[in-house]
Protein backbone atom coordinates (compact mmCIF):
# COMPACT_ATOMS: atom_id res chain seq x y z
CA UNK A 1 -5.76 -1.94 -30.14
CA UNK A 2 -5.00 -3.09 -26.59
CA UNK A 3 -8.05 -4.37 -24.71
CA UNK A 4 -7.75 -3.86 -20.96
CA UNK A 5 -10.16 -5.13 -18.33
CA UNK A 6 -10.48 -2.83 -15.29
CA UNK A 7 -12.03 -3.87 -11.99
CA UNK A 8 -12.11 -1.79 -8.79
CA UNK A 9 -12.54 -3.16 -5.28
CA UNK A 10 -14.32 -0.11 -3.83
CA UNK A 11 -13.75 -1.06 -0.18
CA UNK A 12 -10.01 -1.74 -0.51
CA UNK A 13 -7.90 0.22 1.95
CA UNK A 14 -10.80 1.54 4.03
CA UNK A 15 -9.39 -0.02 7.20
CA UNK A 16 -5.96 1.60 6.94
CA UNK A 17 -6.34 5.10 8.37
CA UNK A 18 -8.74 3.94 11.08
CA UNK A 19 -6.21 1.41 12.37
CA UNK A 20 -7.82 -1.86 11.29
CA UNK A 21 -4.77 -3.08 9.27
CA UNK A 22 -7.11 -4.45 6.62
CA UNK A 23 -10.72 -4.44 5.50
CA UNK A 24 -11.51 -8.16 5.04
CA UNK A 25 -14.62 -8.78 7.13
CA UNK A 26 -14.26 -5.35 8.76
CA UNK A 27 -16.15 -3.03 6.41
CA UNK A 28 -18.92 -2.24 8.88
CA UNK A 29 -16.39 -1.52 11.64
CA UNK A 30 -14.33 0.66 9.28
CA UNK A 31 -17.42 2.68 8.42
CA UNK A 32 -18.35 2.97 12.09
CA UNK A 33 -14.93 4.49 12.72
CA UNK A 34 -15.47 7.04 9.97
CA UNK A 35 -13.43 5.38 7.21
CA UNK A 36 -13.64 6.83 3.72
CA UNK A 37 -13.14 5.05 0.42
CA UNK A 38 -9.71 5.53 -1.16
CA UNK A 39 -9.82 3.02 -4.02
CA UNK A 40 -12.00 5.14 -6.38
CA UNK A 41 -9.60 8.10 -6.28
CA UNK A 42 -6.60 5.86 -6.90
CA UNK A 43 -8.42 4.12 -9.74
CA UNK A 44 -9.18 7.48 -11.37
CA UNK A 45 -5.52 8.53 -11.08
CA UNK A 46 -4.41 5.29 -12.75
CA UNK A 47 -6.92 5.60 -15.59
CA UNK A 48 -6.08 9.26 -16.20
CA UNK A 49 -2.43 8.22 -16.45
CA UNK A 50 -3.43 5.48 -18.89
CA UNK A 51 -5.36 8.01 -20.97
CA UNK A 52 -2.41 10.45 -20.97
CA UNK A 53 -0.14 7.85 -22.58
CA UNK A 54 -2.23 8.20 -25.72
CA UNK A 55 -2.00 4.59 -26.88
CA UNK A 56 -4.84 2.86 -28.73
CA UNK A 57 -6.74 1.36 -25.78
CA UNK A 58 -10.21 -0.11 -25.35
CA UNK A 59 -11.43 -0.49 -21.76
CA UNK A 60 -13.76 -3.20 -20.53
CA UNK A 61 -15.00 -2.80 -17.00
CA UNK A 62 -17.57 -3.83 -14.41
CA UNK A 63 -20.61 -1.79 -13.42
CA UNK A 64 -20.55 0.74 -10.60
CA UNK A 65 -19.11 0.97 -8.06
CA UNK A 66 -16.51 -1.37 -9.58
CA UNK A 67 -15.18 0.73 -12.46
CA UNK A 68 -17.70 2.02 -14.98
CA UNK A 69 -18.24 5.54 -13.62
CA UNK A 70 -14.55 6.07 -12.86
CA UNK A 71 -13.61 5.01 -16.39
CA UNK A 72 -16.04 7.54 -17.87
CA UNK A 73 -14.72 10.33 -15.63
CA UNK A 74 -11.21 9.49 -16.87
CA UNK A 75 -12.37 10.02 -20.47
CA UNK A 76 -13.07 6.47 -21.65
CA UNK A 77 -16.20 4.96 -23.17
CA UNK A 78 -15.93 1.50 -21.62
CA UNK A 79 -17.68 -1.72 -22.50
CA UNK A 80 -19.48 -2.90 -19.36
CA UNK A 81 -19.26 -6.69 -19.07
CA UNK A 82 -21.45 -7.09 -15.97
CA UNK A 83 -22.48 -5.57 -12.67
CA UNK A 84 -22.15 -6.52 -9.00
CA UNK A 85 -25.04 -8.49 -7.57
CA UNK A 86 -25.52 -5.97 -4.75
CA UNK A 87 -23.84 -2.64 -5.62
CA UNK A 88 -24.06 -1.35 -2.04
CA UNK A 89 -22.23 -4.41 -0.67
CA UNK A 90 -19.71 -5.73 -3.19
CA UNK A 91 -17.83 -8.95 -2.44
CA UNK A 92 -14.82 -10.84 -3.74
CA UNK A 93 -17.21 -12.97 -5.80
CA UNK A 94 -18.03 -9.83 -7.80
CA UNK A 95 -14.31 -9.41 -8.51
CA UNK A 96 -14.08 -13.03 -9.60
CA UNK A 97 -17.13 -12.65 -11.85
CA UNK A 98 -15.53 -9.60 -13.49
CA UNK A 99 -12.32 -11.54 -14.15
CA UNK A 100 -14.26 -14.41 -15.70
CA UNK A 101 -16.06 -11.93 -17.98
CA UNK A 102 -12.75 -10.32 -18.98
CA UNK A 103 -11.30 -13.73 -19.85
CA UNK A 104 -14.35 -14.60 -21.93
CA UNK A 105 -13.95 -11.26 -23.75
CA UNK A 106 -10.30 -12.13 -24.48
CA UNK A 107 -8.72 -9.02 -22.96
CA UNK A 108 -5.00 -8.41 -23.35
CA UNK A 109 -4.46 -7.42 -19.69
CA UNK A 110 -6.36 -6.90 -16.43
CA UNK A 111 -5.82 -3.80 -14.30
CA UNK A 112 -7.27 -4.27 -10.82
CA UNK A 113 -7.54 -1.75 -7.99
CA UNK A 114 -7.13 -3.11 -4.48
CA UNK A 115 -4.65 -4.86 -2.22
CA UNK A 116 -3.20 -8.33 -1.79
CA UNK A 117 -6.64 -9.87 -1.19
CA UNK A 118 -7.91 -8.50 -4.50
CA UNK A 119 -4.74 -9.73 -6.22
CA UNK A 120 -5.45 -13.23 -4.89
CA UNK A 121 -9.03 -13.11 -6.22
CA UNK A 122 -7.85 -12.04 -9.68
CA UNK A 123 -4.91 -14.45 -9.93
CA UNK A 124 -6.65 -17.55 -8.56
CA UNK A 125 -9.65 -17.01 -10.84
CA UNK A 126 -7.34 -16.90 -13.85
CA UNK A 127 -5.65 -20.08 -12.58
CA UNK A 128 -9.02 -21.82 -12.42
CA UNK A 129 -9.68 -20.74 -16.01
CA UNK A 130 -6.15 -21.73 -17.09
CA UNK A 131 -5.86 -18.25 -18.62
CA UNK A 132 -2.45 -16.57 -19.00
CA UNK A 133 -3.72 -12.99 -19.04
CA UNK A 134 -1.21 -10.47 -17.63
CA UNK A 135 -2.42 -8.64 -14.53
CA UNK A 136 -1.29 -5.48 -12.76
CA UNK A 137 -2.50 -3.93 -9.52
CA UNK A 138 -3.18 -0.30 -8.67
CA UNK A 139 -2.11 -0.16 -5.00
CA UNK A 140 -5.15 0.75 -2.91
CA UNK A 141 -5.30 -1.79 -0.08
CA UNK A 142 -3.81 -1.78 3.40
CA UNK A 143 -1.70 -4.83 2.54
CA UNK A 144 0.20 -4.35 -0.74
CA UNK A 145 3.13 -6.73 -0.37
CA UNK A 146 2.92 -8.84 -3.55
CA UNK A 147 5.06 -8.06 -6.59
CA UNK A 148 2.10 -7.59 -8.95
CA UNK A 149 1.48 -3.87 -8.28
CA UNK A 150 2.72 -0.65 -9.79
CA UNK A 151 4.69 1.47 -7.33
CA UNK A 152 1.91 4.08 -7.56
CA UNK A 153 -1.47 4.46 -9.29
CA UNK A 154 0.06 6.70 -11.95
CA UNK A 155 2.84 4.19 -12.63
CA UNK A 156 0.31 1.36 -12.94
CA UNK A 157 -1.60 3.25 -15.62
CA UNK A 158 1.56 3.87 -17.64
CA UNK A 159 2.78 0.30 -17.31
CA UNK A 160 -0.41 -1.40 -18.45
CA UNK A 161 -0.56 0.87 -21.50
CA UNK A 162 3.04 0.37 -22.63
CA UNK A 163 4.36 -3.04 -21.55
CA UNK A 164 5.76 -5.37 -24.18
CA UNK A 165 7.11 -8.26 -22.08
CA UNK A 166 5.77 -10.28 -19.17
CA UNK A 167 7.20 -12.48 -16.43
CA UNK A 168 5.92 -14.61 -13.57
CA UNK A 169 5.50 -13.03 -10.12
CA UNK A 170 4.29 -14.28 -6.75
CA UNK A 171 0.94 -13.31 -5.25
CA UNK A 172 1.12 -13.49 -1.45
CA UNK A 173 -1.48 -12.67 1.14
CA UNK A 174 -1.31 -12.06 4.87
CA UNK A 175 -3.68 -13.48 7.46
CA UNK A 176 -5.43 -10.28 8.58
CA UNK A 177 -6.50 -11.62 11.98
CA UNK A 178 -2.90 -12.60 12.76
CA UNK A 179 -1.74 -9.27 11.32
CA UNK A 180 -4.04 -7.34 13.65
CA UNK A 181 -2.57 -9.36 16.52
CA UNK A 182 0.96 -8.31 15.61
CA UNK A 183 2.09 -11.37 13.64
CA UNK A 184 2.96 -11.51 9.93
CA UNK A 185 1.79 -14.83 8.49
CA UNK A 186 2.27 -14.91 4.73
CA UNK A 187 1.10 -17.51 2.26
CA UNK A 188 1.92 -17.94 -1.42
CA UNK A 189 -1.50 -18.01 -3.08
CA UNK A 190 -0.71 -17.86 -6.79
CA UNK A 191 1.87 -17.09 -9.44
CA UNK A 192 0.67 -14.62 -12.08
CA UNK A 193 1.82 -13.25 -15.41
CA UNK A 194 2.74 -9.57 -14.97
CA UNK A 195 4.28 -6.81 -17.11
CA UNK A 196 8.04 -6.37 -16.96
CA UNK A 197 8.64 -2.81 -15.73
CA UNK A 198 11.01 -0.88 -13.47
CA UNK A 199 8.02 0.83 -11.87
CA UNK A 200 6.49 -2.44 -10.68
CA UNK A 201 7.10 -2.94 -6.98
CA UNK A 202 9.16 -5.78 -5.55
CA UNK A 203 7.84 -8.32 -3.09
CA UNK A 204 8.19 -7.44 0.58
CA UNK A 205 11.22 -8.93 2.30
CA UNK A 206 10.74 -9.96 5.90
CA UNK A 207 13.63 -9.26 8.24
CA UNK A 208 16.29 -6.61 7.92
CA UNK A 209 19.41 -7.43 9.93
CA UNK A 210 20.58 -6.35 13.38
CA UNK A 211 18.88 -3.25 14.80
CA UNK A 212 19.84 -3.29 18.48
CA UNK A 213 22.42 -0.50 18.42
CA UNK A 214 20.27 1.50 16.02
CA UNK A 215 17.28 1.28 18.36
CA UNK A 216 19.39 2.24 21.35
CA UNK A 217 20.82 5.26 19.53
CA UNK A 218 17.35 6.57 18.67
CA UNK A 219 16.06 6.01 22.20
CA UNK A 220 19.05 7.88 23.65
CA UNK A 221 18.36 11.08 21.72
CA UNK A 222 14.64 11.54 22.41
CA UNK A 223 13.90 15.09 23.55
CA UNK A 224 11.66 16.23 26.41
CA UNK A 225 8.32 17.61 25.29
CA UNK A 226 8.56 16.11 21.81
CA UNK A 227 5.79 13.76 20.66
CA UNK A 228 7.09 10.67 18.86
CA UNK A 229 4.82 8.89 16.38
CA UNK A 230 6.33 5.42 16.09
CA UNK A 231 5.43 3.42 13.01
CA UNK A 232 5.03 -0.33 12.49
CA UNK A 233 7.69 -2.96 11.89
CA UNK A 234 10.39 -4.80 13.79
CA UNK A 235 12.99 -2.01 13.48
CA UNK A 236 10.78 0.62 15.09
CA UNK A 237 9.48 -2.07 17.44
CA UNK A 238 13.01 -2.39 18.83
CA UNK A 239 13.00 1.37 19.47
CA UNK A 240 9.73 1.03 21.39
CA UNK A 241 11.35 -1.62 23.56
CA UNK A 242 14.30 0.69 24.23
CA UNK A 243 11.84 3.40 25.28
CA UNK A 244 10.47 0.99 27.85
CA UNK A 245 7.10 -0.12 26.54
CA UNK A 246 5.62 -3.07 24.68
CA UNK A 247 4.47 -1.46 21.45
CA UNK A 248 2.21 -2.79 18.72
CA UNK A 249 4.58 -4.37 16.22
CA UNK A 250 2.31 -3.79 13.23
CA UNK A 251 0.57 -0.65 14.46
CA UNK A 252 1.38 2.98 15.19
CA UNK A 253 2.04 4.09 18.78
CA UNK A 254 2.39 7.67 20.08
CA UNK A 255 4.83 8.39 22.95
CA UNK A 256 5.94 11.49 24.82
CA UNK A 257 8.00 11.96 27.99
CA UNK A 258 7.80 8.34 29.06
CA UNK A 259 4.06 8.00 28.48
CA UNK A 260 2.25 6.09 25.74
CA UNK A 261 -0.40 8.54 24.54
CA UNK A 262 -1.98 6.23 21.96
CA UNK A 263 -1.47 2.55 21.25
CA UNK A 264 -2.27 0.93 17.89
CA UNK A 265 -3.56 4.35 16.91
CA UNK A 266 -5.85 5.33 14.05
CA UNK A 267 -5.31 8.60 12.17
CA UNK A 268 -7.72 10.45 14.47
CA UNK A 269 -5.96 9.15 17.60
CA UNK A 270 -2.61 10.36 16.30
CA UNK A 271 -3.93 13.80 15.43
CA UNK A 272 -5.47 14.13 18.90
CA UNK A 273 -2.14 13.21 20.56
CA UNK A 274 0.16 15.55 18.62
CA UNK A 275 1.87 18.38 20.49
CA UNK A 276 3.83 21.50 19.67
CA UNK A 277 6.69 19.49 18.12
CA UNK A 278 6.26 16.04 16.65
CA UNK A 279 8.53 13.45 15.03
CA UNK A 280 7.47 10.46 12.96
CA UNK A 281 9.87 7.51 13.24
CA UNK A 282 9.47 4.95 10.46
CA UNK A 283 11.46 2.25 8.72
CA UNK A 284 11.09 1.41 5.02
CA UNK A 285 9.61 -1.90 3.94
CA UNK A 286 12.38 -4.33 3.06
CA UNK A 287 12.65 -5.08 -0.65
CA UNK A 288 10.19 -2.32 -1.62
CA UNK A 289 11.57 0.78 0.07
CA UNK A 290 8.20 2.33 0.87
CA UNK A 291 8.35 4.76 3.79
CA UNK A 292 4.68 5.80 3.60
CA UNK A 293 1.66 4.18 1.96
CA UNK A 294 2.20 0.48 2.63
CA UNK A 295 0.82 -0.88 5.89
CA UNK A 296 0.93 2.49 7.68
CA UNK A 297 -1.93 4.49 6.18
CA UNK A 298 -2.67 5.80 9.68
CA UNK A 299 0.26 8.13 8.95
CA UNK A 300 -1.92 10.22 6.69
CA UNK A 301 -0.97 13.46 4.92
CA UNK A 302 -2.64 15.38 7.76
CA UNK A 303 -0.35 13.64 10.27
CA UNK A 304 2.81 13.84 8.18
CA UNK A 305 2.46 17.58 7.55
CA UNK A 306 2.57 18.24 11.31
CA UNK A 307 5.70 16.18 11.97
CA UNK A 308 9.41 16.06 11.35
CA UNK A 309 10.58 12.79 9.80
CA UNK A 310 13.15 10.31 11.12
CA UNK A 311 13.75 7.29 8.88
CA UNK A 312 15.69 4.40 10.40
CA UNK A 313 16.94 1.18 8.81
CA UNK A 314 19.61 -1.42 9.24
CA UNK A 315 22.50 -1.30 6.78
CA UNK A 316 21.43 -4.68 5.43
CA UNK A 317 17.92 -3.47 4.69
CA UNK A 318 19.16 -0.35 2.87
CA UNK A 319 21.63 -2.43 0.85
CA UNK A 320 18.67 -4.42 -0.46
CA UNK A 321 16.57 -1.37 -1.32
CA UNK A 322 18.73 1.25 -3.03
CA UNK A 323 16.07 3.97 -3.08
CA UNK A 324 13.08 4.94 -0.96
CA UNK A 325 9.49 5.50 -2.10
CA UNK A 326 6.41 7.35 -0.82
CA UNK A 327 2.76 6.91 -1.75
CA UNK A 328 0.78 9.02 0.72
CA UNK A 329 -2.25 9.54 -1.51
CA UNK A 330 -1.44 13.27 -1.76
CA UNK A 331 0.62 13.98 -4.92
CA UNK A 332 1.78 17.38 -3.63
CA UNK A 333 3.05 15.86 -0.40
CA UNK A 334 4.76 13.02 -2.29
CA UNK A 335 6.58 15.63 -4.34
CA UNK A 336 7.65 17.53 -1.21
CA UNK A 337 9.04 14.33 0.32
CA UNK A 338 11.08 13.37 -2.75
CA UNK A 339 14.79 14.14 -2.78
CA UNK A 340 17.76 13.11 -0.66
CA UNK A 341 17.17 11.98 2.90
CA UNK A 342 19.58 11.12 5.72
CA UNK A 343 18.61 7.70 7.06
CA UNK A 344 19.89 6.64 10.47
CA UNK A 345 21.60 3.23 10.12
CA UNK A 346 23.62 2.99 13.33
CA UNK A 347 24.58 4.58 16.61
CA UNK A 348 26.40 7.46 14.93
CA UNK A 349 26.05 6.75 11.21
CA UNK A 350 23.55 8.13 8.71
CA UNK A 351 23.35 7.24 5.05
CA UNK A 352 22.14 9.57 2.28
CA UNK A 353 19.35 7.84 0.32
CA UNK A 354 17.15 9.25 -2.43
CA UNK A 355 13.36 9.26 -2.13
CA UNK A 356 12.08 8.75 -5.69
């Protein structure tokens, strides 16, 4: 029987759709802006996938809202190893306490639900305990750049149930204050034991080759009356420069007919700015290939469904990716987006790439 410890960071990802680029220290502000929890739903999807595999599994988890109720809804009868000190206001110390309890209970693996910050809490706690317990993340945070996550909640559930080999992987975190200011400052925080699996995401690669001619080609074909929703990243940032404005490098800006309608926009700002015809312009994350669901949760299913899609990338970036991925939080929309997509890679060139 495989014994798996499950811990959920219930506030992970709350800052994404409301434009906060993270939730560390910003929970009250996220709630003020109308943010809703996304981690519980993603945890349930992962655990239902785990249950579907049908392997002999025993779950250990933390008390609500950090896993117990979700595990029961998914069909498990978990062993509860502890509870958060203040259920209405969980902290990273609650996550660390859960990991210590899992280690004491000698679990075979830890499945955590959150983002890079949660991954750091789990991995560094195991380091302090000198415990080589494999970990795997269910992607639920705004920042999900480390290579310790499944590519989707469903994939994470399958992986933790079936893996037979492990390897070492880096756990990186980004300074959220610098991130909100438009700068990516990464730091290696730990190296963790993780399952070997094709459906585990790669680490984010920073930088993607020359984009000047690509940016110019996109700027030259903008159409009057069309609303352009311009995603984060340096590639799309170059397009913003070509359009004549200083965009938010790590945020979403909305532009139409020479006017910036929304800068560093939340989901609600984008929806308010949309017109009769709308185009999302995004670039995949280098190394991972995610078009939606990593660092751009403002581009929600409600936004995506009202827009055409233009994916742009340098040739170098695509060469290092191979395939594209989507994780919008809406399984039906993910399925609609899968298939072959023409990605603009130069002034006149497009490359056919599969969204898997």
